[in-house]
Amino acid sequence: RAAAPHQFTPGPLEMPRFSIIVPALNARDLLGLTLDSLRAQTLPDWEAIVVDDGSTDDTRELVRAWQALDDRIRLLRTPEAGLAAARNQAALKAARGSIIAFCDPDDRFVPTKLEQLARAFDAAPVDAIYGQVGFFCKAPGDARGRSVVARHPLTIETLLGENPVGPLSNLAIRSSTFRATVGFDESMDHGADLEWLIPLVGSGARIEGLPALMTWHRVYKTRRSSDLPAMLAGRARAISTAQRFGVIPDARTEAIHLRSLASCALRQDAGGGEALRLTLRGLSHSPRAFLSPSRKGVSVMVGSLGAIVLPRPLRQALFWT
């Protein structure tokens, strides 16, 4: 059930600091909770552009109800053209803020996220910033796992390995920088965010991570094997794009990427065999890279081995976080 909106009537913001892009397709059940997390921000200088991408449920009616209580929330309607097109429509044509942040309708921001981002953008000449992601299933806090941030500005090699940005809900970028990229490739079903990030970094953009929890990302305990062809096609496109900048993934990069996929397979319970296959492929590329750091690599390897013999309820309880 959607969260009940809090009463709030801010004054109009002609030029908000942040424009938060929220693509929504039949998102009625979760969107209210996402908007509630935006309205809980300690920094109030934002607008949220909810892009209805051809919903057939009452997503639009829900957004209008929230608009009546908070005029920072805007509704943008587009034909059902896909996630990348929805994000482009809002970020390139409708956003008024000097910084664009993305938030999917099943993810949530921690209350201090925009405040932390504003300080970080003011303190350094960076083009984009990401933070740590916390994973959850039903409610923030029920997950044990968090992502890590790179200690250095993003490189193409890092993106091709274990992309520390993770979901696009974890990224904020200066509007001028985003518009210079001409947006996401709308022909891609999977991996459009990585395909966009690689030339952005390759062209000299500086993207840094903040070692602080900023985003809650929902993990669904369902099989995702049907996504595999799209994932492989997206990976091939990303490697091709990276090669234009002189970057070819080596054995170490491939091992780290496969470890990331194996970890994802465990979280999403994509069948014990899939995680093990990914683990074995990763180890065949570079055992040292796959297992380092040991806290991460060994846990994925042990989890993949255990997943093939444990019953599904126990796999989900142990590995989805």
Protein backbone atom coordinates (compact mmCIF):
# COMPACT_ATOMS: atom_id res chain seq x y z
CA ARG A 1 0.00 0.00 0.00
CA ALA A 2 1.17 3.51 -0.77
CA ALA A 3 2.21 5.71 2.13
CA ALA A 4 -0.21 8.43 3.12
CA PRO A 5 1.13 11.84 2.04
CA HIS A 6 2.17 14.24 4.78
CA GLN A 7 0.57 17.67 4.75
CA PHE A 8 3.07 20.17 3.35
CA THR A 9 2.58 23.33 1.31
CA PRO A 10 5.93 24.83 0.26
CA GLY A 11 6.26 27.97 -1.74
CA PRO A 12 7.03 27.65 -5.44
CA LEU A 13 10.64 26.98 -6.39
CA GLU A 14 11.51 28.69 -9.65
CA MET A 15 14.97 27.13 -9.94
CA PRO A 16 15.34 24.22 -7.53
CA ARG A 17 18.81 22.92 -6.72
CA PHE A 18 17.87 19.32 -7.55
CA SER A 19 15.63 17.81 -10.19
CA ILE A 20 14.79 14.22 -9.23
CA ILE A 21 13.71 12.06 -12.17
CA VAL A 22 11.26 9.28 -11.28
CA PRO A 23 10.19 7.09 -14.25
CA ALA A 24 6.95 5.28 -13.51
CA LEU A 25 5.16 2.50 -15.36
CA ASN A 26 2.26 0.95 -13.44
CA ALA A 27 3.99 1.97 -10.22
CA ARG A 28 0.91 2.65 -8.09
CA ASP A 29 1.79 0.22 -5.29
CA LEU A 30 5.30 1.53 -4.53
CA LEU A 31 5.49 5.08 -5.85
CA GLY A 32 3.94 6.68 -2.77
CA LEU A 33 6.69 5.29 -0.55
CA THR A 34 9.33 6.63 -2.91
CA LEU A 35 7.78 10.11 -2.96
CA ASP A 36 7.51 10.00 0.81
CA SER A 37 11.29 9.44 1.01
CA LEU A 38 11.84 12.50 -1.18
CA ARG A 39 9.57 14.67 0.94
CA ALA A 40 11.50 13.54 4.04
CA GLN A 41 14.72 15.11 2.71
CA THR A 42 16.49 17.45 5.11
CA LEU A 43 17.28 19.71 2.16
CA PRO A 44 13.95 20.94 0.70
CA ASP A 45 15.32 22.61 -2.44
CA TRP A 46 14.17 20.08 -5.05
CA GLU A 47 11.55 19.18 -7.60
CA ALA A 48 10.47 15.64 -8.46
CA ILE A 49 9.44 14.91 -12.04
CA VAL A 50 7.40 11.72 -12.19
CA VAL A 51 7.37 10.47 -15.78
CA ASP A 52 4.32 8.34 -16.44
CA ASP A 53 5.43 6.05 -19.24
CA GLY A 54 2.01 4.89 -20.42
CA SER A 55 0.69 3.37 -17.18
CA THR A 56 -2.56 1.42 -17.32
CA ASP A 57 -3.16 1.52 -13.56
CA ASP A 58 -3.96 4.66 -11.55
CA THR A 59 -0.36 5.89 -11.26
CA ARG A 60 -1.32 9.30 -12.65
CA GLU A 61 -4.15 9.73 -10.16
CA LEU A 62 -1.76 8.92 -7.32
CA VAL A 63 0.75 11.52 -8.51
CA ARG A 64 -1.98 14.17 -8.83
CA ALA A 65 -3.02 13.49 -5.23
CA TRP A 66 0.55 14.09 -4.10
CA GLN A 67 0.78 17.22 -6.27
CA ALA A 68 -2.20 18.68 -4.46
CA LEU A 69 -0.21 18.48 -1.22
CA ASP A 70 3.26 19.34 -2.49
CA ASP A 71 3.83 21.52 -5.55
CA ARG A 72 7.43 20.37 -5.85
CA ILE A 73 6.07 17.19 -7.44
CA ARG A 74 5.42 17.39 -11.18
CA LEU A 75 3.77 14.92 -13.55
CA LEU A 76 5.07 14.36 -17.06
CA ARG A 77 3.23 12.00 -19.41
CA THR A 78 4.93 10.16 -22.25
CA PRO A 79 3.89 7.33 -24.54
CA GLU A 80 5.17 3.92 -23.46
CA ALA A 81 8.63 4.28 -25.02
CA GLY A 82 10.79 2.65 -22.37
CA LEU A 83 12.84 3.56 -19.33
CA ALA A 84 15.65 5.35 -21.17
CA ALA A 85 13.21 7.50 -23.15
CA ALA A 86 11.28 8.43 -20.01
CA ARG A 87 14.45 9.53 -18.24
CA ASN A 88 15.62 11.50 -21.28
CA GLN A 89 12.30 13.29 -21.66
CA ALA A 90 12.44 14.56 -18.09
CA ALA A 91 16.17 15.25 -17.76
CA LEU A 92 16.71 16.88 -21.16
CA LYS A 93 13.46 18.79 -21.61
CA ALA A 94 11.71 19.33 -18.28
CA ALA A 95 14.29 19.47 -15.47
CA ARG A 96 14.93 22.94 -14.04
CA GLY A 97 17.46 22.08 -11.34
CA SER A 98 21.20 22.59 -11.60
CA ILE A 99 21.73 18.97 -10.47
CA ILE A 100 19.82 15.94 -11.74
CA ALA A 101 19.26 12.92 -9.53
CA PHE A 102 17.56 9.71 -10.57
CA CYS A 103 15.24 7.59 -8.44
CA ASP A 104 13.33 4.55 -9.62
CA PRO A 105 9.80 4.12 -8.23
CA ASP A 106 10.73 1.13 -6.08
CA ASP A 107 13.86 2.73 -4.57
CA ARG A 108 14.14 5.33 -1.80
CA PHE A 109 16.51 8.08 -0.72
CA VAL A 110 17.89 8.29 2.82
CA PRO A 111 16.69 11.55 4.46
CA THR A 112 20.07 13.32 4.30
CA LYS A 113 20.97 12.32 0.74
CA LEU A 114 20.36 15.65 -1.01
CA GLU A 115 22.00 17.58 1.82
CA GLN A 116 25.13 15.42 1.56
CA LEU A 117 25.17 15.75 -2.22
CA ALA A 118 24.84 19.53 -2.09
CA ARG A 119 27.83 19.82 0.24
CA ALA A 120 29.90 17.49 -1.92
CA PHE A 121 29.11 19.34 -5.17
CA ASP A 122 29.98 22.64 -3.48
CA ALA A 123 33.27 21.31 -2.11
CA ALA A 124 34.85 19.87 -5.26
CA PRO A 125 34.81 20.39 -9.04
CA VAL A 126 33.10 17.08 -9.78
CA ASP A 127 30.61 16.30 -12.54
CA ALA A 128 28.69 13.53 -10.78
CA ILE A 129 28.53 11.83 -7.40
CA TYR A 130 27.32 8.46 -6.13
CA GLY A 131 27.20 6.93 -2.67
CA GLN A 132 26.60 3.62 -0.96
CA VAL A 133 23.52 1.55 -1.72
CA GLY A 134 21.66 -0.42 0.91
CA PHE A 135 19.64 -3.40 -0.31
CA PHE A 136 16.20 -4.25 1.02
CA CYS A 137 13.29 -6.51 0.25
CA LYS A 138 10.27 -5.26 2.16
CA ALA A 139 11.50 -2.23 4.12
CA PRO A 140 14.80 -0.30 4.43
CA GLY A 141 16.89 -1.84 7.14
CA ASP A 142 15.96 -5.46 6.57
CA ALA A 143 19.08 -6.05 4.46
CA ARG A 144 22.58 -6.70 5.73
CA GLY A 145 24.47 -5.79 2.58
CA ARG A 146 25.78 -2.45 1.30
CA SER A 147 27.70 -1.51 -1.78
CA VAL A 148 31.17 0.03 -1.60
CA VAL A 149 32.52 3.09 -3.36
CA ALA A 150 35.77 3.33 -5.28
CA ARG A 151 38.62 5.18 -3.57
CA HIS A 152 39.39 7.09 -6.73
CA PRO A 153 37.33 8.80 -9.45
CA LEU A 154 35.54 6.35 -11.71
CA THR A 155 37.43 4.82 -14.62
CA ILE A 156 36.14 2.78 -17.53
CA GLU A 157 37.99 -0.26 -16.18
CA THR A 158 36.14 0.07 -12.86
CA LEU A 159 32.79 0.39 -14.62
CA LEU A 160 33.45 -2.77 -16.63
CA GLY A 161 34.37 -4.68 -13.49
CA GLU A 162 32.17 -4.25 -10.43
CA ASN A 163 30.42 -1.01 -11.32
CA PRO A 164 30.28 0.74 -7.92
CA VAL A 165 27.53 3.13 -9.00
CA GLY A 166 25.05 0.27 -9.16
CA PRO A 167 21.45 1.32 -9.83
CA LEU A 168 21.00 4.71 -11.46
CA SER A 169 19.00 5.77 -8.39
CA ASN A 170 22.43 6.14 -6.76
CA LEU A 171 23.74 8.82 -9.15
CA ALA A 172 23.44 12.61 -9.22
CA ILE A 173 24.96 14.68 -12.05
CA ARG A 174 25.22 18.35 -12.94
CA SER A 175 22.50 19.24 -15.44
CA SER A 176 24.97 20.87 -17.82
CA THR A 177 27.06 17.69 -17.86
CA PHE A 178 24.08 15.45 -18.48
CA ARG A 179 22.75 17.55 -21.34
CA ALA A 180 26.14 17.48 -23.03
CA THR A 181 25.83 13.67 -23.25
CA VAL A 182 22.54 13.83 -25.22
CA GLY A 183 21.06 11.29 -22.79
CA PHE A 184 20.56 7.52 -22.71
CA ASP A 185 20.40 5.22 -25.73
CA GLU A 186 16.68 4.60 -26.11
CA SER A 187 17.19 1.51 -28.27
CA MET A 188 18.62 -0.52 -25.38
CA ASP A 189 16.46 -2.73 -23.17
CA HIS A 190 19.21 -3.40 -20.63
CA GLY A 191 22.43 -1.64 -19.72
CA ALA A 192 21.60 1.82 -21.10
CA ASP A 193 22.97 3.42 -17.92
CA LEU A 194 26.37 1.71 -18.26
CA GLU A 195 26.46 2.44 -22.00
CA TRP A 196 25.94 6.11 -21.06
CA LEU A 197 28.45 6.14 -18.19
CA ILE A 198 31.37 4.75 -20.20
CA PRO A 199 31.63 7.58 -22.77
CA LEU A 200 30.88 10.08 -20.02
CA VAL A 201 33.94 8.93 -18.07
CA GLY A 202 35.96 8.40 -21.25
CA SER A 203 35.33 12.00 -22.27
CA GLY A 204 36.87 13.28 -19.05
CA ALA A 205 33.94 13.67 -16.65
CA ARG A 206 34.94 13.33 -13.00
CA ILE A 207 32.64 11.04 -11.02
CA GLU A 208 33.42 10.44 -7.36
CA GLY A 209 31.91 8.29 -4.65
CA LEU A 210 30.96 9.30 -1.12
CA PRO A 211 31.40 6.54 1.49
CA ALA A 212 27.98 7.15 3.02
CA LEU A 213 24.64 5.38 2.65
CA MET A 214 22.45 7.40 0.32
CA THR A 215 20.06 5.07 -1.48
CA TRP A 216 17.90 2.09 -0.62
CA HIS A 217 17.53 -0.31 -3.55
CA ARG A 218 14.79 -2.92 -3.58
CA VAL A 219 15.86 -6.49 -4.31
CA TYR A 220 13.26 -8.88 -5.63
CA LYS A 221 13.61 -12.51 -4.60
CA THR A 222 12.59 -13.79 -8.02
CA ARG A 223 14.34 -15.59 -10.84
CA ARG A 224 15.89 -13.21 -13.35
CA SER A 225 17.23 -15.72 -15.90
CA SER A 226 14.92 -14.22 -18.53
CA ASP A 227 17.06 -11.06 -18.34
CA LEU A 228 20.22 -12.92 -19.32
CA PRO A 229 20.07 -12.33 -23.11
CA ALA A 230 19.49 -8.61 -22.58
CA MET A 231 22.29 -8.50 -19.98
CA LEU A 232 24.71 -10.19 -22.36
CA ALA A 233 23.75 -7.86 -25.20
CA GLY A 234 24.21 -4.86 -22.94
CA ARG A 235 27.59 -6.13 -21.80
CA ALA A 236 28.71 -6.57 -25.41
CA ARG A 237 27.67 -3.01 -26.21
CA ALA A 238 29.52 -1.69 -23.15
CA ILE A 239 32.73 -3.50 -24.14
CA SER A 240 32.44 -2.19 -27.70
CA THR A 241 31.99 1.36 -26.42
CA ALA A 242 34.94 1.01 -24.05
CA GLN A 243 37.15 -0.10 -26.93
CA ARG A 244 36.51 3.22 -28.66
CA PHE A 245 38.35 4.79 -25.73
CA GLY A 246 41.20 2.29 -25.90
CA VAL A 247 40.00 0.16 -23.00
CA ILE A 248 39.79 -3.61 -23.37
CA PRO A 249 38.71 -5.61 -20.30
CA ASP A 250 41.44 -7.96 -19.11
CA ALA A 251 41.12 -11.21 -17.19
CA ARG A 252 41.03 -9.38 -13.86
CA THR A 253 38.18 -7.11 -14.96
CA GLU A 254 36.16 -10.04 -16.31
CA ALA A 255 36.63 -11.99 -13.06
CA ILE A 256 35.38 -9.06 -10.98
CA HIS A 257 32.41 -8.55 -13.30
CA LEU A 258 31.44 -12.21 -13.07
CA ARG A 259 31.76 -12.11 -9.28
CA SER A 260 29.34 -9.18 -9.27
CA LEU A 261 26.88 -11.15 -11.40
CA ALA A 262 27.21 -14.19 -9.14
CA SER A 263 26.52 -12.04 -6.09
CA CYS A 264 23.46 -10.61 -7.83
CA ALA A 265 22.27 -14.11 -8.71
CA LEU A 266 22.50 -15.08 -5.05
CA ARG A 267 20.57 -12.00 -3.90
CA GLN A 268 17.84 -12.58 -6.46
CA ASP A 269 17.80 -16.36 -5.97
CA ALA A 270 18.24 -16.96 -9.69
CA GLY A 271 18.75 -20.65 -9.06
CA GLY A 272 21.77 -22.11 -7.28
CA GLY A 273 23.25 -23.38 -10.53
CA GLU A 274 23.42 -19.94 -12.15
CA ALA A 275 25.48 -18.43 -9.33
CA LEU A 276 27.85 -21.38 -9.42
CA ARG A 277 28.30 -21.18 -13.19
CA LEU A 278 29.16 -17.49 -12.93
CA THR A 279 31.56 -18.19 -10.06
CA LEU A 280 33.39 -20.90 -11.96
CA ARG A 281 33.70 -18.68 -15.03
CA GLY A 282 35.07 -15.88 -12.88
CA LEU A 283 37.61 -18.14 -11.22
CA SER A 284 38.74 -19.41 -14.62
CA HIS A 285 39.57 -15.84 -15.69
CA SER A 286 41.51 -14.88 -12.56
CA PRO A 287 41.19 -16.67 -9.20
CA ARG A 288 43.15 -13.92 -7.47
CA ALA A 289 40.91 -11.13 -8.74
CA PHE A 290 37.71 -13.07 -8.04
CA LEU A 291 38.71 -13.87 -4.45
CA SER A 292 40.12 -10.44 -3.57
CA PRO A 293 39.17 -8.96 -1.21
CA SER A 294 38.57 -12.26 0.55
CA ARG A 295 35.62 -10.92 2.54
CA LYS A 296 33.72 -10.51 -0.72
CA GLY A 297 35.21 -13.11 -3.04
CA VAL A 298 35.25 -16.02 -0.62
CA SER A 299 31.72 -15.32 0.59
CA VAL A 300 30.42 -15.34 -3.00
CA MET A 301 32.28 -18.56 -3.77
CA VAL A 302 31.06 -20.32 -0.62
CA GLY A 303 27.55 -19.00 -1.18
CA SER A 304 27.51 -20.26 -4.77
CA LEU A 305 28.66 -23.71 -3.68
CA GLY A 306 26.15 -23.86 -0.86
CA ALA A 307 23.29 -22.61 -3.01
CA ILE A 308 23.22 -25.76 -5.13
CA VAL A 309 22.51 -28.02 -2.16
CA LEU A 310 20.35 -25.82 0.08
CA PRO A 311 16.55 -25.71 -0.25
CA ARG A 312 15.20 -22.52 -1.79
CA PRO A 313 13.72 -20.98 1.42
CA LEU A 314 17.09 -21.34 3.16
CA ARG A 315 18.95 -19.95 0.11
CA GLN A 316 16.74 -16.88 0.16
CA ALA A 317 17.17 -16.37 3.90
CA LEU A 318 20.96 -16.63 3.68
CA PHE A 319 21.93 -15.04 0.40
CA TRP A 320 19.42 -12.44 -0.81
CA THR A 321 21.20 -9.75 1.17
